[in-house]
Amino acid sequence: MERLLFAAELIEEDGTYTLVVQDVRRDTIQTTPVPKSMVDKLPTFLSALSAKLNPVPPRRRW
């Protein structure tokens, strides 16, 4: 059974970025401003995180 624990949104308004994270279990919301330089790096960060959490098994040599 899947259960949503956190929900996150990255909002842009007039060139300003805000990260909004909702803790669904505790029914709380936290927001923080995010610099554009970090927003630009987000795809790279997510790829690195995904690779670290789901590493590709090494190929076997025959």
C-alpha atoms as a PDB file:
ATOM      1  CA  MET A   1       0.000   0.000   0.000  1.00  0.00           C
ATOM      2  CA  GLU A   2       1.452   3.343  -1.029  1.00  0.00           C
ATOM      3  CA  ARG A   3       1.207   6.257   1.378  1.00  0.00           C
ATOM      4  CA  LEU A   4       2.202   9.820   0.563  1.00  0.00           C
ATOM      5  CA  LEU A   5       4.578  11.142   3.228  1.00  0.00           C
ATOM      6  CA  PHE A   6       5.854  14.382   1.722  1.00  0.00           C
ATOM      7  CA  ALA A   7       4.878  16.550  -1.238  1.00  0.00           C
ATOM      8  CA  ALA A   8       7.174  19.182  -2.730  1.00  0.00           C
ATOM      9  CA  GLU A   9       6.690  22.007  -5.199  1.00  0.00           C
ATOM     10  CA  LEU A  10       9.132  24.479  -6.662  1.00  0.00           C
ATOM     11  CA  ILE A  11       7.329  27.712  -7.441  1.00  0.00           C
ATOM     12  CA  GLU A  12       8.625  30.560  -9.609  1.00  0.00           C
ATOM     13  CA  GLU A  13       7.100  34.003  -9.324  1.00  0.00           C
ATOM     14  CA  ASP A  14       8.649  37.037 -10.984  1.00  0.00           C
ATOM     15  CA  GLY A  15      12.077  35.376 -11.126  1.00  0.00           C
ATOM     16  CA  THR A  16      12.001  34.329  -7.453  1.00  0.00           C
ATOM     17  CA  TYR A  17      11.970  30.619  -6.589  1.00  0.00           C
ATOM     18  CA  THR A  18      10.396  29.082  -3.501  1.00  0.00           C
ATOM     19  CA  LEU A  19      10.503  25.451  -2.397  1.00  0.00           C
ATOM     20  CA  VAL A  20       7.338  24.329  -0.606  1.00  0.00           C
ATOM     21  CA  VAL A  21       7.445  21.005   1.262  1.00  0.00           C
ATOM     22  CA  GLN A  22       4.369  19.550   2.906  1.00  0.00           C
ATOM     23  CA  ASP A  23       4.761  16.903   5.615  1.00  0.00           C
ATOM     24  CA  VAL A  24       1.518  15.043   5.019  1.00  0.00           C
ATOM     25  CA  ARG A  25       1.722  12.977   8.219  1.00  0.00           C
ATOM     26  CA  ARG A  26       2.131  15.998  10.484  1.00  0.00           C
ATOM     27  CA  ASP A  27       0.051  18.338   8.310  1.00  0.00           C
ATOM     28  CA  THR A  28       2.775  20.978   8.246  1.00  0.00           C
ATOM     29  CA  ILE A  29       4.242  23.070   5.445  1.00  0.00           C
ATOM     30  CA  GLN A  30       7.724  24.556   5.222  1.00  0.00           C
ATOM     31  CA  THR A  31       8.866  27.060   2.620  1.00  0.00           C
ATOM     32  CA  THR A  32      12.297  28.348   1.770  1.00  0.00           C
ATOM     33  CA  PRO A  33      13.651  30.598  -0.961  1.00  0.00           C
ATOM     34  CA  VAL A  34      15.907  28.862  -3.468  1.00  0.00           C
ATOM     35  CA  PRO A  35      18.522  30.679  -5.566  1.00  0.00           C
ATOM     36  CA  LYS A  36      18.267  30.277  -9.343  1.00  0.00           C
ATOM     37  CA  SER A  37      21.731  28.695  -9.404  1.00  0.00           C
ATOM     38  CA  MET A  38      20.388  25.814  -7.296  1.00  0.00           C
ATOM     39  CA  VAL A  39      17.239  25.527  -9.405  1.00  0.00           C
ATOM     40  CA  ASP A  40      19.458  25.184 -12.483  1.00  0.00           C
ATOM     41  CA  LYS A  41      21.393  22.352 -10.797  1.00  0.00           C
ATOM     42  CA  LEU A  42      18.285  20.458  -9.660  1.00  0.00           C
ATOM     43  CA  PRO A  43      18.127  18.025 -12.623  1.00  0.00           C
ATOM     44  CA  THR A  44      21.793  17.105 -12.092  1.00  0.00           C
ATOM     45  CA  PHE A  45      21.272  16.658  -8.363  1.00  0.00           C
ATOM     46  CA  LEU A  46      18.220  14.439  -8.908  1.00  0.00           C
ATOM     47  CA  SER A  47      20.110  12.296 -11.434  1.00  0.00           C
ATOM     48  CA  ALA A  48      23.009  11.860  -8.996  1.00  0.00           C
ATOM     49  CA  LEU A  49      20.630  10.991  -6.158  1.00  0.00           C
ATOM     50  CA  SER A  50      18.790   8.487  -8.309  1.00  0.00           C
ATOM     51  CA  ALA A  51      22.068   6.863  -9.392  1.00  0.00           C
ATOM     52  CA  LYS A  52      23.229   6.610  -5.791  1.00  0.00           C
ATOM     53  CA  LEU A  53      19.966   5.104  -4.547  1.00  0.00           C
ATOM     54  CA  ASN A  54      19.473   2.794  -7.534  1.00  0.00           C
ATOM     55  CA  PRO A  55      22.953   1.845  -8.722  1.00  0.00           C
ATOM     56  CA  VAL A  56      23.252  -0.162 -11.905  1.00  0.00           C
ATOM     57  CA  PRO A  57      24.762  -3.558 -11.067  1.00  0.00           C
ATOM     58  CA  PRO A  58      28.187  -4.080 -12.646  1.00  0.00           C
ATOM     59  CA  ARG A  59      28.307  -6.181 -15.783  1.00  0.00           C
ATOM     60  CA  ARG A  60      29.673  -9.666 -15.434  1.00  0.00           C
ATOM     61  CA  ARG A  61      32.609 -10.603 -17.546  1.00  0.00           C
ATOM     62  CA  TRP A  62      32.344 -13.854 -19.416  1.00  0.00           C
END
